[in-house]
PDB file of N, CA and C in Angstrom:
ATOM      1  N   MET A   1     -34.830   9.963 164.877  1.00  0.00           N
ATOM      2  CA  MET A   1     -33.076   9.989 163.836  1.00  0.00           C
ATOM      3  C   MET A   1     -33.497   9.255 162.619  1.00  0.00           C
ATOM      4  N   THR A   2     -32.912   9.880 161.446  1.00  0.00           N
ATOM      5  CA  THR A   2     -32.549   9.119 160.252  1.00  0.00           C
ATOM      6  C   THR A   2     -31.698   7.890 160.058  1.00  0.00           C
ATOM      7  N   TYR A   3     -31.555   7.379 159.269  1.00  0.00           N
ATOM      8  CA  TYR A   3     -30.621   6.330 158.821  1.00  0.00           C
ATOM      9  C   TYR A   3     -29.249   6.920 158.711  1.00  0.00           C
ATOM     10  N   GLU A   4     -29.294   8.131 157.814  1.00  0.00           N
ATOM     11  CA  GLU A   4     -28.264   8.919 157.220  1.00  0.00           C
ATOM     12  C   GLU A   4     -27.416   9.364 158.820  1.00  0.00           C
ATOM     13  N   GLN A   5     -28.259   9.518 159.964  1.00  0.00           N
ATOM     14  CA  GLN A   5     -27.606   9.822 160.990  1.00  0.00           C
ATOM     15  C   GLN A   5     -26.855   8.670 161.788  1.00  0.00           C
ATOM     16  N   VAL A   6     -27.776   7.826 161.810  1.00  0.00           N
ATOM     17  CA  VAL A   6     -27.752   6.629 162.664  1.00  0.00           C
ATOM     18  C   VAL A   6     -26.281   6.078 161.853  1.00  0.00           C
ATOM     19  N   LYS A   7     -26.115   5.882 160.462  1.00  0.00           N
ATOM     20  CA  LYS A   7     -24.931   5.212 160.015  1.00  0.00           C
ATOM     21  C   LYS A   7     -23.373   5.796 160.613  1.00  0.00           C
ATOM     22  N   SER A   8     -23.681   6.933 161.019  1.00  0.00           N
ATOM     23  CA  SER A   8     -22.368   7.756 161.230  1.00  0.00           C
ATOM     24  C   SER A   8     -21.863   7.913 162.568  1.00  0.00           C
ATOM     25  N   LEU A   9     -22.637   6.959 163.576  1.00  0.00           N
ATOM     26  CA  LEU A   9     -22.561   6.887 164.952  1.00  0.00           C
ATOM     27  C   LEU A   9     -21.320   5.690 164.981  1.00  0.00           C
ATOM     28  N   LYS A  10     -20.857   5.997 166.104  1.00  0.00           N
ATOM     29  CA  LYS A  10     -19.779   4.770 166.359  1.00  0.00           C
ATOM     30  C   LYS A  10     -20.225   3.282 166.767  1.00  0.00           C
ATOM     31  N   SER A  11     -19.496   2.492 166.560  1.00  0.00           N
ATOM     32  CA  SER A  11     -19.853   0.907 166.713  1.00  0.00           C
ATOM     33  C   SER A  11     -20.776   0.629 168.024  1.00  0.00           C
ATOM     34  N   GLU A  12     -20.090   1.256 168.760  1.00  0.00           N
ATOM     35  CA  GLU A  12     -20.834   1.014 170.159  1.00  0.00           C
ATOM     36  C   GLU A  12     -22.124   1.686 170.200  1.00  0.00           C
ATOM     37  N   ASN A  13     -22.219   2.889 169.957  1.00  0.00           N
ATOM     38  CA  ASN A  13     -23.602   3.685 169.953  1.00  0.00           C
ATOM     39  C   ASN A  13     -24.717   2.897 168.768  1.00  0.00           C
ATOM     40  N   PHE A  14     -24.264   2.607 167.668  1.00  0.00           N
ATOM     41  CA  PHE A  14     -24.822   2.051 166.544  1.00  0.00           C
ATOM     42  C   PHE A  14     -25.669   0.665 167.364  1.00  0.00           C
ATOM     43  N   LYS A  15     -24.650  -0.086 167.870  1.00  0.00           N
ATOM     44  CA  LYS A  15     -25.331  -1.205 168.571  1.00  0.00           C
ATOM     45  C   LYS A  15     -26.373  -0.861 169.807  1.00  0.00           C
ATOM     46  N   ARG A  16     -25.971   0.215 170.460  1.00  0.00           N
ATOM     47  CA  ARG A  16     -26.888   0.318 171.506  1.00  0.00           C
ATOM     48  C   ARG A  16     -28.113   0.896 170.815  1.00  0.00           C
ATOM     49  N   LEU A  17     -27.997   1.361 170.126  1.00  0.00           N
ATOM     50  CA  LEU A  17     -29.405   2.071 169.430  1.00  0.00           C
ATOM     51  C   LEU A  17     -30.189   1.183 168.423  1.00  0.00           C
ATOM     52  N   CYS A  18     -29.585  -0.065 167.937  1.00  0.00           N
ATOM     53  CA  CYS A  18     -30.259  -0.686 166.822  1.00  0.00           C
ATOM     54  C   CYS A  18     -30.290  -2.440 167.464  1.00  0.00           C
ATOM     55  N   GLY A  19     -29.477  -2.805 168.458  1.00  0.00           N
ATOM     56  CA  GLY A  19     -29.415  -3.936 168.807  1.00  0.00           C
ATOM     57  C   GLY A  19     -28.305  -4.719 168.179  1.00  0.00           C
ATOM     58  N   VAL A  20     -27.797  -4.495 166.830  1.00  0.00           N
ATOM     59  CA  VAL A  20     -26.932  -5.080 166.588  1.00  0.00           C
ATOM     60  C   VAL A  20     -25.603  -4.262 166.079  1.00  0.00           C
ATOM     61  N   ARG A  21     -24.412  -4.913 165.592  1.00  0.00           N
ATOM     62  CA  ARG A  21     -23.459  -4.374 165.047  1.00  0.00           C
ATOM     63  C   ARG A  21     -23.272  -3.561 163.885  1.00  0.00           C
ATOM     64  N   PRO A  22     -22.949  -2.692 163.234  1.00  0.00           N
ATOM     65  CA  PRO A  22     -23.077  -1.979 161.816  1.00  0.00           C
ATOM     66  C   PRO A  22     -23.212  -3.278 160.925  1.00  0.00           C
ATOM     67  N   ASN A  23     -22.023  -4.143 160.800  1.00  0.00           N
ATOM     68  CA  ASN A  23     -21.723  -4.963 159.689  1.00  0.00           C
ATOM     69  C   ASN A  23     -22.947  -6.075 159.658  1.00  0.00           C
ATOM     70  N   THR A  24     -23.174  -6.458 161.088  1.00  0.00           N
ATOM     71  CA  THR A  24     -24.411  -7.352 160.963  1.00  0.00           C
ATOM     72  C   THR A  24     -25.716  -6.744 160.629  1.00  0.00           C
ATOM     73  N   PHE A  25     -26.009  -5.604 160.712  1.00  0.00           N
ATOM     74  CA  PHE A  25     -27.067  -4.605 160.232  1.00  0.00           C
ATOM     75  C   PHE A  25     -26.931  -4.733 158.419  1.00  0.00           C
ATOM     76  N   SER A  26     -25.851  -4.387 157.964  1.00  0.00           N
ATOM     77  CA  SER A  26     -25.832  -4.450 156.647  1.00  0.00           C
ATOM     78  C   SER A  26     -25.824  -5.421 155.767  1.00  0.00           C
ATOM     79  N   LYS A  27     -25.256  -6.874 156.682  1.00  0.00           N
ATOM     80  CA  LYS A  27     -25.712  -8.165 156.167  1.00  0.00           C
ATOM     81  C   LYS A  27     -27.504  -8.545 156.314  1.00  0.00           C
ATOM     82  N   MET A  28     -28.139  -7.997 156.977  1.00  0.00           N
ATOM     83  CA  MET A  28     -29.421  -7.851 157.406  1.00  0.00           C
ATOM     84  C   MET A  28     -30.077  -7.369 155.949  1.00  0.00           C
ATOM     85  N   VAL A  29     -29.503  -6.230 156.016  1.00  0.00           N
ATOM     86  CA  VAL A  29     -30.113  -5.213 154.551  1.00  0.00           C
ATOM     87  C   VAL A  29     -30.022  -6.048 153.401  1.00  0.00           C
ATOM     88  N   GLU A  30     -28.762  -6.718 153.149  1.00  0.00           N
ATOM     89  CA  GLU A  30     -28.923  -7.740 152.054  1.00  0.00           C
ATOM     90  C   GLU A  30     -29.353  -8.470 151.885  1.00  0.00           C
ATOM     91  N   VAL A  31     -30.103  -9.166 152.919  1.00  0.00           N
ATOM     92  CA  VAL A  31     -31.008 -10.460 152.964  1.00  0.00           C
ATOM     93  C   VAL A  31     -32.129  -9.907 152.558  1.00  0.00           C
ATOM     94  N   VAL A  32     -32.671  -8.795 153.211  1.00  0.00           N
ATOM     95  CA  VAL A  32     -33.860  -8.125 152.857  1.00  0.00           C
ATOM     96  C   VAL A  32     -33.891  -7.979 151.449  1.00  0.00           C
ATOM     97  N   ARG A  33     -32.974  -7.019 151.116  1.00  0.00           N
ATOM     98  CA  ARG A  33     -32.833  -6.946 149.650  1.00  0.00           C
ATOM     99  C   ARG A  33     -33.044  -7.894 148.835  1.00  0.00           C
ATOM    100  N   SER A  34     -32.678  -9.018 148.976  1.00  0.00           N
ATOM    101  CA  SER A  34     -32.248 -10.386 148.029  1.00  0.00           C
ATOM    102  C   SER A  34     -33.761 -10.897 147.797  1.00  0.00           C
ATOM    103  N   GLN A  35     -34.519 -10.848 149.363  1.00  0.00           N
ATOM    104  CA  GLN A  35     -35.751 -11.555 149.336  1.00  0.00           C
ATOM    105  C   GLN A  35     -36.736 -10.622 148.666  1.00  0.00           C
ATOM    106  N   GLU A  36     -36.644  -9.286 148.677  1.00  0.00           N
ATOM    107  CA  GLU A  36     -37.614  -8.082 147.951  1.00  0.00           C
ATOM    108  C   GLU A  36     -37.271  -8.155 146.388  1.00  0.00           C
ATOM    109  N   ARG A  37     -36.282  -8.693 145.941  1.00  0.00           N
ATOM    110  CA  ARG A  37     -36.115  -8.873 144.324  1.00  0.00           C
ATOM    111  C   ARG A  37     -36.963  -9.967 144.046  1.00  0.00           C
ATOM    112  N   THR A  38     -36.818 -10.983 144.682  1.00  0.00           N
ATOM    113  CA  THR A  38     -37.669 -12.313 144.256  1.00  0.00           C
ATOM    114  C   THR A  38     -39.083 -12.310 144.647  1.00  0.00           C
ATOM    115  N   LYS A  39     -39.402 -11.462 145.665  1.00  0.00           N
ATOM    116  CA  LYS A  39     -40.833 -11.472 146.022  1.00  0.00           C
ATOM    117  C   LYS A  39     -41.907 -10.741 144.943  1.00  0.00           C
ATOM    118  N   GLN A  40     -42.932 -11.653 144.758  1.00  0.00           N
ATOM    119  CA  GLN A  40     -43.802 -11.338 143.819  1.00  0.00           C
ATOM    120  C   GLN A  40     -44.921 -10.138 144.210  1.00  0.00           C
ATOM    121  N   LYS A  41     -45.308  -9.432 143.205  1.00  0.00           N
ATOM    122  CA  LYS A  41     -45.753  -8.123 143.620  1.00  0.00           C
ATOM    123  C   LYS A  41     -47.232  -8.404 143.792  1.00  0.00           C
ATOM    124  N   THR A  42     -47.617  -9.127 144.642  1.00  0.00           N
ATOM    125  CA  THR A  42     -49.073  -9.003 144.882  1.00  0.00           C
ATOM    126  C   THR A  42     -49.545  -8.635 146.149  1.00  0.00           C
ATOM    127  N   GLY A  43     -50.686  -8.298 146.591  1.00  0.00           N
ATOM    128  CA  GLY A  43     -51.162  -8.074 147.862  1.00  0.00           C
ATOM    129  C   GLY A  43     -50.740  -6.566 148.518  1.00  0.00           C
ATOM    130  N   ARG A  44     -50.851  -5.965 149.430  1.00  0.00           N
ATOM    131  CA  ARG A  44     -50.538  -4.917 149.799  1.00  0.00           C
ATOM    132  C   ARG A  44     -49.508  -4.294 150.030  1.00  0.00           C
ATOM    133  N   PRO A  45     -48.873  -3.181 149.859  1.00  0.00           N
ATOM    134  CA  PRO A  45     -47.587  -2.900 149.609  1.00  0.00           C
ATOM    135  C   PRO A  45     -47.015  -2.868 151.010  1.00  0.00           C
ATOM    136  N   GLY A  46     -45.405  -3.097 151.107  1.00  0.00           N
ATOM    137  CA  GLY A  46     -45.065  -3.187 152.510  1.00  0.00           C
ATOM    138  C   GLY A  46     -44.929  -1.865 152.898  1.00  0.00           C
ATOM    139  N   LYS A  47     -44.596  -1.663 154.454  1.00  0.00           N
ATOM    140  CA  LYS A  47     -44.365  -0.754 155.318  1.00  0.00           C
ATOM    141  C   LYS A  47     -43.018  -0.280 155.185  1.00  0.00           C
ATOM    142  N   LEU A  48     -42.295  -1.260 155.219  1.00  0.00           N
ATOM    143  CA  LEU A  48     -40.788  -0.837 155.064  1.00  0.00           C
ATOM    144  C   LEU A  48     -40.079  -0.465 153.658  1.00  0.00           C
ATOM    145  N   SER A  49     -39.662   1.039 153.551  1.00  0.00           N
ATOM    146  CA  SER A  49     -39.135   1.208 152.624  1.00  0.00           C
ATOM    147  C   SER A  49     -37.593   1.012 152.320  1.00  0.00           C
ATOM    148  N   LEU A  50     -37.245   0.409 151.184  1.00  0.00           N
ATOM    149  CA  LEU A  50     -35.721  -0.126 151.389  1.00  0.00           C
ATOM    150  C   LEU A  50     -35.127   1.078 150.824  1.00  0.00           C
ATOM    151  N   VAL A  51     -35.818   1.946 150.289  1.00  0.00           N
ATOM    152  CA  VAL A  51     -34.895   3.302 149.820  1.00  0.00           C
ATOM    153  C   VAL A  51     -34.125   3.946 151.046  1.00  0.00           C
ATOM    154  N   ILE A  52     -34.521   3.929 152.007  1.00  0.00           N
ATOM    155  CA  ILE A  52     -33.901   4.727 153.323  1.00  0.00           C
ATOM    156  C   ILE A  52     -32.580   3.978 153.745  1.00  0.00           C
ATOM    157  N   LEU A  53     -32.586   2.346 153.210  1.00  0.00           N
ATOM    158  CA  LEU A  53     -31.600   1.533 153.618  1.00  0.00           C
ATOM    159  C   LEU A  53     -30.493   1.571 152.631  1.00  0.00           C
ATOM    160  N   VAL A  54     -30.189   2.568 152.151  1.00  0.00           N
ATOM    161  CA  VAL A  54     -29.002   2.756 151.245  1.00  0.00           C
ATOM    162  C   VAL A  54     -27.478   2.781 152.043  1.00  0.00           C
TER     163      VAL A  54
END
């Protein structure tokens, strides 16, 4: 399932699939994005693409 399909699920089904409610997930994405902006670009590239978390 893609994130586009997942984000259209009802809150209960989203929680069953992801383990958290949609609003908690969006807050988690905000935290990851803010950390990504301040991160120095050294070493190996990350495996998680933030492009899909729009």
